[in-house]
Amino acid sequence: MAFRRAAEADKPAILAIAAQIWEGDDYLPDVIDDWLKPGPAQLIVATSGGRVAGLARYVAEFPGFAWLEGLRVDPAYQGQGIAKALTGRMVEMADEAGVEVTALSTYMDNTASQRVSAAFGFERAVGFAYCEGKLDAVKGHARASTRVVEVARDEAAAFIAASRGLAAGAGYLPHSWRFYPFARGPQIALARMERVLGIREGGRLAALLCLGDQTPHGAASRSIDCLEGEPEAVEELARHALTYAREEKYFEAMIPCEEGGAPPSLPALLKVGFEVWNEGKADVIVFERRRQGAR
């Protein structure tokens, strides 16, 4: 088996693998052109006999941190250790780069992926509740508010840093199924937000909402990546965010779950037509591998 960075010529083989994932509903075709571009993120393919047997993506945007995503194995090669080999290569890349923390996310019932990552020292860091708002269900709840204003990124960063949600999310700010270590680069995280909106009351910021740009799942979805503040203002912001819907099929949000407590902001999303997959309990899990001695 050999590993190399994916090239444009690999696109047909990658799409053929994606066509066999999740009954053909894989998001990979929506993002493959972006993933093949040169940059700090690398799409790595594992080849066997010259044929693409699997792939995974290594993202290094934040100082001392690496994110792993997009692990796929051609069904014809399942059971041959491809997923483990790819994960091992990603871990090697992180170690070679001196990365302090490597992380990934999986759905709670993806036990195969969890077993593979556990073999390399990944441990559960925090859970999030996945919320989905199908456009047909939420568009009737959209309501523009004249109280909503654009918020400067520096002010938003300070608000998020002190928020209950960031603490409940173990310091991670979600962007769809990708999770950013906020303290390692607040402005890097906020650069992925198309809009940063707030409501002020009495001169202070009462609530904040970050609306993500195109999500890691491609153009079919948009993400609400931060929704924090006082309950009434939070609901008002959520309704306003829905007015920005274009041709997407759905909105999605990851709500950080405190152990034994109700996820913050979840009631507002339920009021505006969102649904949860696991009764509002943590179902998307972030796993971390920390280099010995890393903070």
Protein backbone atom coordinates (compact mmCIF):
# COMPACT_ATOMS: atom_id res chain seq x y z
CA MET A 1 0.00 0.00 0.00
CA ALA A 2 1.21 3.50 -0.82
CA PHE A 3 0.05 6.98 0.24
CA ARG A 4 0.19 10.21 -1.73
CA ARG A 5 -1.59 13.48 -2.11
CA ALA A 6 -4.68 13.20 -4.32
CA ALA A 7 -4.49 14.64 -7.82
CA GLU A 8 -7.15 15.78 -10.27
CA ALA A 9 -6.69 12.49 -12.12
CA ASP A 10 -7.94 10.66 -9.00
CA LYS A 11 -11.31 12.41 -9.10
CA PRO A 12 -13.20 9.68 -11.05
CA ALA A 13 -11.99 6.97 -8.65
CA ILE A 14 -12.89 9.09 -5.62
CA LEU A 15 -16.36 9.79 -6.97
CA ALA A 16 -16.84 6.09 -7.68
CA ILE A 17 -16.12 5.36 -4.02
CA ALA A 18 -18.48 8.16 -2.89
CA ALA A 19 -21.27 6.71 -5.04
CA GLN A 20 -21.19 3.61 -2.83
CA ILE A 21 -21.29 5.50 0.49
CA TRP A 22 -24.54 6.22 2.35
CA GLU A 23 -26.60 4.80 -0.50
CA GLY A 24 -25.15 7.35 -2.91
CA ASP A 25 -25.94 10.35 -0.67
CA ASP A 26 -22.31 11.12 0.20
CA TYR A 27 -21.45 14.83 0.32
CA LEU A 28 -18.02 14.23 -1.23
CA PRO A 29 -19.11 15.12 -4.79
CA ASP A 30 -20.14 18.57 -3.52
CA VAL A 31 -16.73 19.32 -2.03
CA ILE A 32 -14.23 17.31 -4.06
CA ASP A 33 -13.17 20.22 -6.29
CA ASP A 34 -12.41 22.31 -3.21
CA TRP A 35 -10.62 19.42 -1.50
CA LEU A 36 -8.34 18.91 -4.51
CA LYS A 37 -7.09 22.51 -4.45
CA PRO A 38 -3.55 23.13 -3.19
CA GLY A 39 -3.30 24.56 0.32
CA PRO A 40 -2.72 23.67 3.97
CA ALA A 41 -5.32 20.90 3.79
CA GLN A 42 -4.28 17.68 2.07
CA LEU A 43 -6.50 15.00 0.59
CA ILE A 44 -4.51 11.76 0.87
CA VAL A 45 -5.28 8.60 -1.09
CA ALA A 46 -4.19 5.09 -0.24
CA THR A 47 -3.41 3.04 -3.32
CA SER A 48 -3.09 -0.70 -3.77
CA GLY A 49 -1.76 -2.01 -7.05
CA GLY A 50 -2.03 1.52 -8.42
CA ARG A 51 -5.75 1.73 -7.65
CA VAL A 52 -7.30 4.18 -5.16
CA ALA A 53 -8.48 2.03 -2.25
CA GLY A 54 -9.34 4.78 0.22
CA LEU A 55 -8.90 8.43 1.12
CA ALA A 56 -8.81 10.83 4.06
CA ARG A 57 -8.28 14.56 4.53
CA TYR A 58 -5.75 16.26 6.80
CA VAL A 59 -6.50 19.90 7.67
CA ALA A 60 -3.90 22.08 9.39
CA GLU A 61 -5.35 25.59 9.78
CA PHE A 62 -4.85 26.26 13.48
CA PRO A 63 -1.48 26.48 15.28
CA GLY A 64 -0.53 23.17 16.89
CA PHE A 65 -3.76 21.51 15.75
CA ALA A 66 -4.79 19.10 12.99
CA TRP A 67 -8.27 18.03 11.93
CA LEU A 68 -9.00 14.70 10.22
CA GLU A 69 -12.07 14.14 8.06
CA GLY A 70 -13.45 12.44 4.98
CA LEU A 71 -12.21 8.91 5.73
CA ARG A 72 -13.56 6.65 2.98
CA VAL A 73 -12.70 3.10 1.90
CA ASP A 74 -13.66 1.48 -1.38
CA PRO A 75 -16.09 -1.32 -0.39
CA ALA A 76 -14.02 -3.68 -2.54
CA TYR A 77 -11.14 -3.22 -0.09
CA GLN A 78 -13.08 -3.34 3.18
CA GLY A 79 -11.66 -5.65 5.78
CA GLN A 80 -8.10 -5.13 4.57
CA GLY A 81 -7.09 -2.50 7.14
CA ILE A 82 -7.30 0.49 4.77
CA ALA A 83 -9.06 2.75 7.29
CA LYS A 84 -6.51 1.93 9.97
CA ALA A 85 -3.63 2.49 7.58
CA LEU A 86 -4.99 5.87 6.47
CA THR A 87 -5.59 6.98 10.04
CA GLY A 88 -2.07 5.90 10.90
CA ARG A 89 -0.70 7.97 8.03
CA MET A 90 -2.66 11.02 9.24
CA VAL A 91 -1.26 10.56 12.74
CA GLU A 92 2.25 10.29 11.31
CA MET A 93 1.73 13.55 9.42
CA ALA A 94 0.60 15.26 12.62
CA ASP A 95 3.56 13.94 14.58
CA GLU A 96 6.00 14.95 11.86
CA ALA A 97 4.56 18.48 11.95
CA GLY A 98 4.83 18.69 15.74
CA VAL A 99 1.05 18.96 16.16
CA GLU A 100 -0.07 19.10 19.80
CA VAL A 101 -3.72 18.05 19.33
CA THR A 102 -5.26 16.03 16.51
CA ALA A 103 -9.05 15.72 16.41
CA LEU A 104 -11.93 14.26 14.41
CA SER A 105 -15.68 13.79 14.77
CA THR A 106 -17.97 10.83 14.23
CA TYR A 107 -21.65 10.06 14.69
CA MET A 108 -22.32 8.12 17.87
CA ASP A 109 -23.09 4.82 16.11
CA ASN A 110 -20.01 4.85 13.86
CA THR A 111 -18.31 2.31 16.06
CA ALA A 112 -15.95 1.12 13.33
CA SER A 113 -14.39 4.57 13.00
CA GLN A 114 -14.23 4.92 16.76
CA ARG A 115 -12.39 1.62 17.12
CA VAL A 116 -9.84 2.66 14.52
CA SER A 117 -9.20 6.05 16.10
CA ALA A 118 -8.99 4.53 19.59
CA ALA A 119 -6.17 2.30 18.36
CA PHE A 120 -4.11 5.47 17.81
CA GLY A 121 -4.88 7.03 21.18
CA PHE A 122 -7.91 9.16 20.34
CA GLU A 123 -10.23 9.74 23.29
CA ARG A 124 -13.67 11.29 23.61
CA ALA A 125 -13.41 15.02 24.22
CA VAL A 126 -17.01 16.30 24.02
CA GLY A 127 -20.40 15.62 22.49
CA PHE A 128 -22.73 17.82 20.43
CA ALA A 129 -26.39 17.45 19.55
CA TYR A 130 -27.02 17.53 15.80
CA CYS A 131 -29.97 19.70 14.73
CA GLU A 132 -31.34 19.80 11.21
CA GLY A 133 -33.76 22.30 9.76
CA LYS A 134 -35.11 21.15 6.41
CA LEU A 135 -35.89 24.18 4.31
CA ASP A 136 -39.54 23.30 3.79
CA ALA A 137 -39.99 23.00 7.57
CA VAL A 138 -38.17 26.17 8.64
CA LYS A 139 -38.91 28.72 5.93
CA GLY A 140 -42.33 29.50 7.42
CA HIS A 141 -40.58 30.53 10.65
CA ALA A 142 -38.27 33.04 8.95
CA ARG A 143 -38.81 36.58 10.19
CA ALA A 144 -36.50 39.53 9.55
CA SER A 145 -35.77 41.70 12.59
CA THR A 146 -34.84 45.36 12.49
CA ARG A 147 -32.96 44.89 15.77
CA VAL A 148 -30.35 42.61 14.19
CA VAL A 149 -27.01 44.24 13.46
CA GLU A 150 -23.66 43.12 12.09
CA VAL A 151 -21.12 42.52 14.87
CA ALA A 152 -17.40 43.23 14.50
CA ARG A 153 -15.28 40.07 14.55
CA ASP A 154 -13.19 41.23 17.50
CA GLU A 155 -16.31 41.84 19.60
CA ALA A 156 -17.75 38.51 18.52
CA ALA A 157 -14.53 36.73 19.46
CA ALA A 158 -14.65 38.18 22.98
CA PHE A 159 -18.34 37.23 23.34
CA ILE A 160 -17.74 33.64 22.19
CA ALA A 161 -14.65 33.23 24.37
CA ALA A 162 -16.72 34.01 27.46
CA SER A 163 -19.81 32.07 26.38
CA ARG A 164 -21.47 29.14 28.06
CA GLY A 165 -21.60 27.28 24.75
CA LEU A 166 -17.85 27.37 24.18
CA ALA A 167 -17.28 26.07 27.71
CA ALA A 168 -19.87 23.33 27.20
CA GLY A 169 -18.17 22.42 23.92
CA ALA A 170 -14.75 21.98 25.57
CA GLY A 171 -13.45 25.02 23.70
CA TYR A 172 -14.63 23.90 20.25
CA LEU A 173 -16.67 26.15 17.96
CA PRO A 174 -18.63 24.01 15.48
CA HIS A 175 -18.74 24.65 11.76
CA SER A 176 -21.11 21.95 10.60
CA TRP A 177 -19.34 18.60 11.26
CA ARG A 178 -15.96 20.28 11.66
CA PHE A 179 -14.99 21.70 15.04
CA TYR A 180 -12.54 24.57 15.56
CA PRO A 181 -10.29 24.93 18.64
CA PHE A 182 -11.39 28.50 19.18
CA ALA A 183 -8.65 29.70 21.53
CA ARG A 184 -5.96 28.63 19.05
CA GLY A 185 -7.23 31.05 16.40
CA PRO A 186 -10.44 33.01 16.98
CA GLN A 187 -10.08 35.00 13.76
CA ILE A 188 -9.33 31.86 11.74
CA ALA A 189 -12.60 30.36 12.98
CA LEU A 190 -14.59 33.54 12.40
CA ALA A 191 -13.22 33.84 8.87
CA ARG A 192 -15.42 30.85 8.00
CA MET A 193 -18.54 32.75 9.03
CA GLU A 194 -20.48 34.46 6.27
CA ARG A 195 -22.36 36.65 8.74
CA VAL A 196 -21.83 37.52 12.39
CA LEU A 197 -25.06 38.99 13.75
CA GLY A 198 -26.22 40.27 17.10
CA ILE A 199 -28.93 42.00 19.06
CA ARG A 200 -28.05 44.78 21.49
CA GLU A 201 -30.06 45.70 24.55
CA GLY A 202 -29.12 48.63 26.71
CA GLY A 203 -25.92 49.14 24.76
CA ARG A 204 -24.64 45.61 25.39
CA LEU A 205 -24.60 42.55 23.17
CA ALA A 206 -27.53 40.41 24.34
CA ALA A 207 -27.20 37.62 21.77
CA LEU A 208 -24.89 36.53 18.98
CA LEU A 209 -25.34 34.31 15.92
CA CYS A 210 -22.69 33.13 13.47
CA LEU A 211 -23.98 31.95 10.12
CA GLY A 212 -21.43 29.76 8.40
CA ASP A 213 -20.35 30.03 4.81
CA GLN A 214 -20.66 26.94 2.64
CA THR A 215 -20.41 24.05 5.07
CA PRO A 216 -18.07 21.08 4.81
CA HIS A 217 -21.09 19.26 3.38
CA GLY A 218 -21.15 21.54 0.38
CA ALA A 219 -23.71 23.90 -1.07
CA ALA A 220 -26.72 21.78 -0.09
CA SER A 221 -26.56 23.01 3.51
CA ARG A 222 -25.87 26.08 5.60
CA SER A 223 -24.81 26.06 9.22
CA ILE A 224 -25.67 28.05 12.30
CA ASP A 225 -22.34 27.80 14.08
CA CYS A 226 -22.92 29.90 17.17
CA LEU A 227 -26.18 30.87 18.83
CA GLU A 228 -25.69 32.36 22.26
CA GLY A 229 -27.33 34.82 24.62
CA GLU A 230 -30.63 35.65 26.23
CA PRO A 231 -33.49 33.32 25.20
CA GLU A 232 -35.83 35.81 23.50
CA ALA A 233 -33.02 37.48 21.60
CA VAL A 234 -31.62 34.08 20.59
CA GLU A 235 -34.96 33.04 19.08
CA GLU A 236 -35.25 36.38 17.28
CA LEU A 237 -31.78 35.88 15.80
CA ALA A 238 -32.61 32.33 14.72
CA ARG A 239 -35.73 33.49 12.86
CA HIS A 240 -33.74 36.27 11.21
CA ALA A 241 -30.99 33.85 10.09
CA LEU A 242 -33.57 31.80 8.20
CA THR A 243 -34.29 34.79 5.93
CA TYR A 244 -30.86 34.24 4.35
CA ALA A 245 -31.89 30.87 2.93
CA ARG A 246 -31.16 30.50 -0.77
CA GLU A 247 -31.29 27.19 -2.61
CA GLU A 248 -30.07 25.00 0.23
CA LYS A 249 -31.90 21.85 1.21
CA TYR A 250 -31.42 22.38 4.93
CA PHE A 251 -29.79 24.27 7.77
CA GLU A 252 -27.75 22.42 10.36
CA ALA A 253 -26.43 23.25 13.80
CA MET A 254 -24.32 21.49 16.39
CA ILE A 255 -25.36 22.33 19.93
CA PRO A 256 -22.79 21.67 22.68
CA CYS A 257 -24.11 19.39 25.38
CA GLU A 258 -23.23 19.78 29.03
CA GLU A 259 -23.20 16.51 30.88
CA GLY A 260 -26.59 16.07 32.52
CA GLY A 261 -27.88 19.45 31.32
CA ALA A 262 -30.07 20.82 28.55
CA PRO A 263 -28.10 21.98 25.51
CA PRO A 264 -28.07 25.79 25.32
CA SER A 265 -29.97 27.34 22.41
CA LEU A 266 -31.78 24.11 21.55
CA PRO A 267 -35.28 25.36 22.54
CA ALA A 268 -35.01 28.29 20.12
CA LEU A 269 -34.06 26.05 17.22
CA LEU A 270 -36.91 23.65 17.95
CA LYS A 271 -39.35 26.58 17.90
CA VAL A 272 -38.26 27.55 14.41
CA GLY A 273 -38.68 24.11 12.88
CA PHE A 274 -35.40 22.30 13.54
CA GLU A 275 -35.39 18.62 14.45
CA VAL A 276 -32.94 16.59 16.50
CA TRP A 277 -31.77 13.07 15.76
CA ASN A 278 -31.22 11.91 19.33
CA GLU A 279 -33.75 13.72 21.52
CA GLY A 280 -31.33 16.62 21.94
CA LYS A 281 -28.66 14.44 23.51
CA ALA A 282 -25.07 14.27 22.33
CA ASP A 283 -24.82 12.23 19.14
CA VAL A 284 -21.87 13.80 17.32
CA ILE A 285 -18.69 13.07 19.24
CA VAL A 286 -15.36 14.89 18.98
CA PHE A 287 -12.32 12.72 19.65
CA GLU A 288 -8.84 14.04 20.44
CA ARG A 289 -5.34 12.66 20.37
CA ARG A 290 -3.00 14.79 22.46
CA ARG A 291 0.73 14.66 22.14
CA GLN A 292 2.30 13.85 25.48
CA GLY A 293 2.69 17.03 27.50
CA ALA A 294 0.42 19.08 25.17
CA ARG A 295 -2.08 21.50 26.65
